[in-house]
Amino acid sequence: MKIESTIENWENGTLGNDEAFVEIATDITSKEVDDMLALQMISIRLQKSLIQDLKDLATRNGLGGYQPLIRRVLERFVEAEMKMIARESMSQQVEVEVEHDERLVSGC
């Protein structure tokens, strides 16, 4: 029986995570990985205590370091903000439509 190749099956180990089948890719550079993942290096100044807290949280969450955690935090923040903007826009559109309908009903 073939197991479906889904993100979930890879993440939970159903499709395997045995180190016997792991191999370091020696024919690819960091830049090529960054390009494939559409990553861009940035520089940001953070308090040392914040960096240490991020490292601790990353370790607790099984991440390779604090940078993947920061990416995850930023992705969640942007997604939440975009949803909020979409909700506000939809709400404003509904208000405009209601006002328009009320004017039509009142004959103005």
N, C-alpha and C. Protein backbone atom coordinates (compact mmCIF):
# COMPACT_ATOMS: atom_id res chain seq x y z
N MET A 1 0.84 -1.18 0.00
CA MET A 1 0.00 0.00 0.00
C MET A 1 0.89 1.25 0.00
N LYS A 2 0.63 2.15 -0.91
CA LYS A 2 1.42 3.37 -1.03
C LYS A 2 0.87 4.43 -0.08
N ILE A 3 1.79 5.10 0.63
CA ILE A 3 1.41 6.18 1.54
C ILE A 3 1.40 7.48 0.76
N GLU A 4 0.34 8.25 0.94
CA GLU A 4 0.20 9.53 0.22
C GLU A 4 1.30 10.50 0.65
N SER A 5 1.90 11.16 -0.31
CA SER A 5 2.98 12.12 -0.05
C SER A 5 2.39 13.48 0.29
N THR A 6 2.03 13.66 1.56
CA THR A 6 1.49 14.93 2.03
C THR A 6 2.46 15.56 3.01
N ILE A 7 2.31 16.85 3.23
CA ILE A 7 3.16 17.53 4.21
C ILE A 7 3.00 16.88 5.58
N GLU A 8 1.75 16.58 5.95
CA GLU A 8 1.48 15.97 7.25
C GLU A 8 2.21 14.64 7.40
N ASN A 9 2.17 13.81 6.36
CA ASN A 9 2.84 12.51 6.43
C ASN A 9 4.36 12.64 6.52
N TRP A 10 4.91 13.68 5.93
CA TRP A 10 6.34 13.92 6.07
C TRP A 10 6.65 14.44 7.47
N GLU A 11 5.84 15.39 7.93
CA GLU A 11 6.09 16.02 9.23
C GLU A 11 5.94 15.04 10.39
N ASN A 12 4.94 14.16 10.34
CA ASN A 12 4.72 13.25 11.46
C ASN A 12 5.56 11.98 11.36
N GLY A 13 6.34 11.83 10.30
CA GLY A 13 7.24 10.70 10.17
C GLY A 13 6.65 9.48 9.50
N THR A 14 5.40 9.55 9.06
CA THR A 14 4.77 8.41 8.40
C THR A 14 5.56 7.99 7.17
N LEU A 15 6.09 8.95 6.45
CA LEU A 15 6.87 8.65 5.25
C LEU A 15 8.34 8.39 5.58
N GLY A 16 8.64 8.38 6.85
CA GLY A 16 9.99 8.02 7.26
C GLY A 16 10.80 9.19 7.76
N ASN A 17 11.60 8.89 8.75
CA ASN A 17 12.57 9.86 9.25
C ASN A 17 13.75 9.11 9.87
N ASP A 18 14.07 7.99 9.28
CA ASP A 18 15.17 7.16 9.74
C ASP A 18 16.50 7.77 9.28
N GLU A 19 17.39 8.01 10.22
CA GLU A 19 18.68 8.63 9.90
C GLU A 19 19.52 7.78 8.96
N ALA A 20 19.22 6.50 8.85
CA ALA A 20 19.97 5.63 7.94
C ALA A 20 19.81 6.07 6.49
N PHE A 21 18.74 6.79 6.22
CA PHE A 21 18.47 7.22 4.84
C PHE A 21 18.77 8.71 4.62
N VAL A 22 19.41 9.33 5.60
CA VAL A 22 19.75 10.74 5.50
C VAL A 22 21.12 10.89 4.87
N GLU A 23 21.22 11.89 4.01
CA GLU A 23 22.50 12.16 3.36
C GLU A 23 22.65 13.67 3.24
N ILE A 24 23.82 14.16 3.55
CA ILE A 24 24.08 15.59 3.42
C ILE A 24 24.31 15.91 1.95
N ALA A 25 23.57 16.90 1.47
CA ALA A 25 23.73 17.32 0.08
C ALA A 25 25.01 18.15 -0.03
N THR A 26 25.99 17.63 -0.72
CA THR A 26 27.27 18.32 -0.83
C THR A 26 27.36 19.15 -2.11
N ASP A 27 26.41 18.94 -3.01
CA ASP A 27 26.49 19.63 -4.29
C ASP A 27 25.58 20.86 -4.36
N ILE A 28 25.22 21.41 -3.20
CA ILE A 28 24.34 22.57 -3.18
C ILE A 28 24.90 23.59 -2.19
N THR A 29 24.82 24.85 -2.56
CA THR A 29 25.36 25.91 -1.71
C THR A 29 24.25 26.53 -0.87
N SER A 30 24.66 27.26 0.15
CA SER A 30 23.69 27.96 0.99
C SER A 30 22.87 28.95 0.17
N LYS A 31 23.52 29.60 -0.78
CA LYS A 31 22.82 30.55 -1.63
C LYS A 31 21.75 29.85 -2.45
N GLU A 32 22.06 28.66 -2.95
CA GLU A 32 21.07 27.92 -3.73
C GLU A 32 19.88 27.51 -2.87
N VAL A 33 20.14 27.13 -1.63
CA VAL A 33 19.05 26.80 -0.71
C VAL A 33 18.21 28.03 -0.45
N ASP A 34 18.86 29.16 -0.17
CA ASP A 34 18.14 30.41 0.05
C ASP A 34 17.28 30.77 -1.15
N ASP A 35 17.85 30.61 -2.35
CA ASP A 35 17.11 30.92 -3.58
C ASP A 35 15.90 30.01 -3.74
N MET A 36 16.08 28.71 -3.48
CA MET A 36 14.98 27.76 -3.62
C MET A 36 13.85 28.06 -2.64
N LEU A 37 14.22 28.52 -1.44
CA LEU A 37 13.22 28.81 -0.42
C LEU A 37 12.78 30.28 -0.44
N ALA A 38 13.31 31.04 -1.39
CA ALA A 38 13.02 32.47 -1.52
C ALA A 38 13.35 33.22 -0.23
N LEU A 39 14.48 32.90 0.36
CA LEU A 39 14.92 33.55 1.59
C LEU A 39 15.87 34.70 1.27
N GLN A 40 15.76 35.76 2.05
CA GLN A 40 16.65 36.90 1.90
C GLN A 40 17.25 37.22 3.26
N MET A 41 18.55 37.35 3.30
CA MET A 41 19.21 37.67 4.55
C MET A 41 18.90 39.11 4.95
N ILE A 42 18.61 39.29 6.24
CA ILE A 42 18.39 40.64 6.77
C ILE A 42 19.22 40.78 8.03
N SER A 43 19.31 42.00 8.50
CA SER A 43 20.02 42.27 9.74
C SER A 43 19.06 43.00 10.68
N ILE A 44 19.01 42.55 11.92
CA ILE A 44 18.12 43.17 12.90
C ILE A 44 18.82 43.17 14.25
N ARG A 45 18.66 44.23 14.99
CA ARG A 45 19.27 44.32 16.31
C ARG A 45 18.20 44.00 17.36
N LEU A 46 18.52 43.01 18.20
CA LEU A 46 17.60 42.59 19.26
C LEU A 46 18.36 42.55 20.58
N GLN A 47 17.63 42.72 21.67
CA GLN A 47 18.26 42.64 22.99
C GLN A 47 18.79 41.22 23.20
N LYS A 48 19.92 41.12 23.87
CA LYS A 48 20.54 39.82 24.11
C LYS A 48 19.60 38.90 24.88
N SER A 49 18.86 39.46 25.83
CA SER A 49 17.94 38.63 26.62
C SER A 49 16.82 38.08 25.74
N LEU A 50 16.36 38.88 24.77
CA LEU A 50 15.32 38.41 23.86
C LEU A 50 15.85 37.28 22.98
N ILE A 51 17.07 37.42 22.50
CA ILE A 51 17.67 36.37 21.68
C ILE A 51 17.80 35.09 22.48
N GLN A 52 18.22 35.19 23.74
CA GLN A 52 18.33 34.00 24.57
C GLN A 52 16.97 33.35 24.80
N ASP A 53 15.94 34.18 25.05
CA ASP A 53 14.59 33.64 25.21
C ASP A 53 14.12 32.93 23.94
N LEU A 54 14.41 33.52 22.79
CA LEU A 54 14.04 32.91 21.52
C LEU A 54 14.77 31.58 21.32
N LYS A 55 16.04 31.54 21.68
CA LYS A 55 16.80 30.29 21.58
C LYS A 55 16.19 29.22 22.47
N ASP A 56 15.83 29.60 23.69
CA ASP A 56 15.22 28.65 24.62
C ASP A 56 13.88 28.13 24.08
N LEU A 57 13.07 29.03 23.55
CA LEU A 57 11.79 28.63 22.97
C LEU A 57 11.98 27.73 21.76
N ALA A 58 12.96 28.05 20.94
CA ALA A 58 13.24 27.24 19.76
C ALA A 58 13.65 25.82 20.17
N THR A 59 14.49 25.73 21.17
CA THR A 59 14.92 24.41 21.67
C THR A 59 13.72 23.64 22.20
N ARG A 60 12.90 24.32 22.95
CA ARG A 60 11.70 23.67 23.53
C ARG A 60 10.75 23.18 22.44
N ASN A 61 10.69 23.90 21.32
CA ASN A 61 9.80 23.54 20.23
C ASN A 61 10.47 22.66 19.18
N GLY A 62 11.69 22.22 19.44
CA GLY A 62 12.37 21.30 18.54
C GLY A 62 12.83 21.93 17.24
N LEU A 63 13.05 23.23 17.25
CA LEU A 63 13.54 23.92 16.06
C LEU A 63 15.06 23.98 16.11
N GLY A 64 15.67 24.15 14.96
CA GLY A 64 17.12 24.14 14.87
C GLY A 64 17.80 25.34 15.47
N GLY A 65 17.07 26.38 15.76
CA GLY A 65 17.65 27.60 16.30
C GLY A 65 16.59 28.67 16.39
N TYR A 66 17.01 29.85 16.80
CA TYR A 66 16.03 30.91 16.99
C TYR A 66 15.58 31.55 15.68
N GLN A 67 16.37 31.47 14.63
CA GLN A 67 15.96 32.11 13.38
C GLN A 67 14.73 31.44 12.76
N PRO A 68 14.65 30.10 12.73
CA PRO A 68 13.40 29.50 12.24
C PRO A 68 12.19 29.90 13.11
N LEU A 69 12.43 30.05 14.41
CA LEU A 69 11.34 30.48 15.30
C LEU A 69 10.90 31.90 14.96
N ILE A 70 11.85 32.78 14.72
CA ILE A 70 11.51 34.16 14.35
C ILE A 70 10.73 34.17 13.04
N ARG A 71 11.16 33.36 12.07
CA ARG A 71 10.41 33.27 10.80
C ARG A 71 8.98 32.83 11.06
N ARG A 72 8.82 31.81 11.90
CA ARG A 72 7.49 31.30 12.22
C ARG A 72 6.64 32.38 12.89
N VAL A 73 7.22 33.10 13.84
CA VAL A 73 6.50 34.18 14.54
C VAL A 73 6.09 35.26 13.55
N LEU A 74 7.00 35.67 12.68
CA LEU A 74 6.69 36.71 11.71
C LEU A 74 5.63 36.24 10.71
N GLU A 75 5.71 34.98 10.28
CA GLU A 75 4.70 34.45 9.35
C GLU A 75 3.32 34.46 10.00
N ARG A 76 3.24 34.04 11.26
CA ARG A 76 1.96 34.03 11.97
C ARG A 76 1.42 35.45 12.13
N PHE A 77 2.30 36.39 12.46
CA PHE A 77 1.87 37.77 12.64
C PHE A 77 1.33 38.34 11.33
N VAL A 78 2.07 38.15 10.25
CA VAL A 78 1.65 38.69 8.95
C VAL A 78 0.33 38.05 8.52
N GLU A 79 0.20 36.74 8.71
CA GLU A 79 -1.05 36.07 8.35
C GLU A 79 -2.23 36.63 9.14
N ALA A 80 -2.04 36.83 10.44
CA ALA A 80 -3.11 37.38 11.28
C ALA A 80 -3.47 38.80 10.86
N GLU A 81 -2.47 39.62 10.58
CA GLU A 81 -2.72 41.00 10.16
C GLU A 81 -3.44 41.04 8.81
N MET A 82 -3.03 40.17 7.88
CA MET A 82 -3.69 40.15 6.57
C MET A 82 -5.15 39.72 6.71
N LYS A 83 -5.42 38.76 7.58
CA LYS A 83 -6.80 38.34 7.82
C LYS A 83 -7.61 39.48 8.42
N MET A 84 -7.01 40.23 9.36
CA MET A 84 -7.69 41.35 9.97
C MET A 84 -8.01 42.42 8.92
N ILE A 85 -7.06 42.71 8.06
CA ILE A 85 -7.28 43.69 6.99
C ILE A 85 -8.40 43.22 6.07
N ALA A 86 -8.40 41.95 5.72
CA ALA A 86 -9.45 41.40 4.85
C ALA A 86 -10.81 41.50 5.52
N ARG A 87 -10.87 41.17 6.83
CA ARG A 87 -12.15 41.27 7.56
C ARG A 87 -12.65 42.71 7.60
N GLU A 88 -11.74 43.66 7.86
CA GLU A 88 -12.12 45.07 7.90
C GLU A 88 -12.63 45.53 6.54
N SER A 89 -11.95 45.11 5.49
CA SER A 89 -12.36 45.48 4.14
C SER A 89 -13.73 44.92 3.81
N MET A 90 -13.95 43.65 4.17
CA MET A 90 -15.25 43.03 3.91
C MET A 90 -16.34 43.72 4.72
N SER A 91 -16.03 44.08 5.95
CA SER A 91 -17.00 44.76 6.81
C SER A 91 -17.37 46.13 6.23
N GLN A 92 -16.38 46.85 5.74
CA GLN A 92 -16.64 48.15 5.12
C GLN A 92 -17.48 47.98 3.86
N GLN A 93 -17.19 46.95 3.08
CA GLN A 93 -17.96 46.69 1.87
C GLN A 93 -19.41 46.40 2.21
N VAL A 94 -19.63 45.60 3.26
CA VAL A 94 -20.99 45.27 3.69
C VAL A 94 -21.71 46.55 4.12
N GLU A 95 -21.03 47.41 4.86
CA GLU A 95 -21.64 48.68 5.30
C GLU A 95 -22.05 49.53 4.10
N VAL A 96 -21.19 49.61 3.10
CA VAL A 96 -21.51 50.38 1.90
C VAL A 96 -22.72 49.79 1.20
N GLU A 97 -22.77 48.47 1.10
CA GLU A 97 -23.91 47.82 0.44
C GLU A 97 -25.20 48.03 1.23
N VAL A 98 -25.13 47.97 2.55
CA VAL A 98 -26.32 48.19 3.38
C VAL A 98 -26.81 49.63 3.20
N GLU A 99 -25.89 50.60 3.23
CA GLU A 99 -26.28 52.00 3.03
C GLU A 99 -26.90 52.19 1.66
N HIS A 100 -26.34 51.56 0.66
CA HIS A 100 -26.87 51.66 -0.69
C HIS A 100 -28.28 51.09 -0.74
N ASP A 101 -28.48 49.90 -0.14
CA ASP A 101 -29.79 49.27 -0.12
C ASP A 101 -30.81 50.12 0.63
N GLU A 102 -30.38 50.73 1.73
CA GLU A 102 -31.29 51.57 2.51
C GLU A 102 -31.71 52.80 1.70
N ARG A 103 -30.79 53.37 0.93
CA ARG A 103 -31.14 54.52 0.09
C ARG A 103 -32.12 54.12 -1.00
N LEU A 104 -31.92 52.93 -1.57
CA LEU A 104 -32.85 52.45 -2.59
C LEU A 104 -34.24 52.25 -2.04
N VAL A 105 -34.32 51.69 -0.83
CA VAL A 105 -35.61 51.42 -0.19
C VAL A 105 -36.32 52.73 0.16
N SER A 106 -35.55 53.70 0.63
CA SER A 106 -36.16 54.97 1.05
C SER A 106 -36.45 55.89 -0.12
N GLY A 107 -36.01 55.51 -1.29
CA GLY A 107 -36.30 56.28 -2.50
C GLY A 107 -35.39 57.47 -2.74
N CYS A 108 -34.27 57.56 -2.07
CA CYS A 108 -33.35 58.69 -2.25
C CYS A 108 -32.37 58.45 -3.35
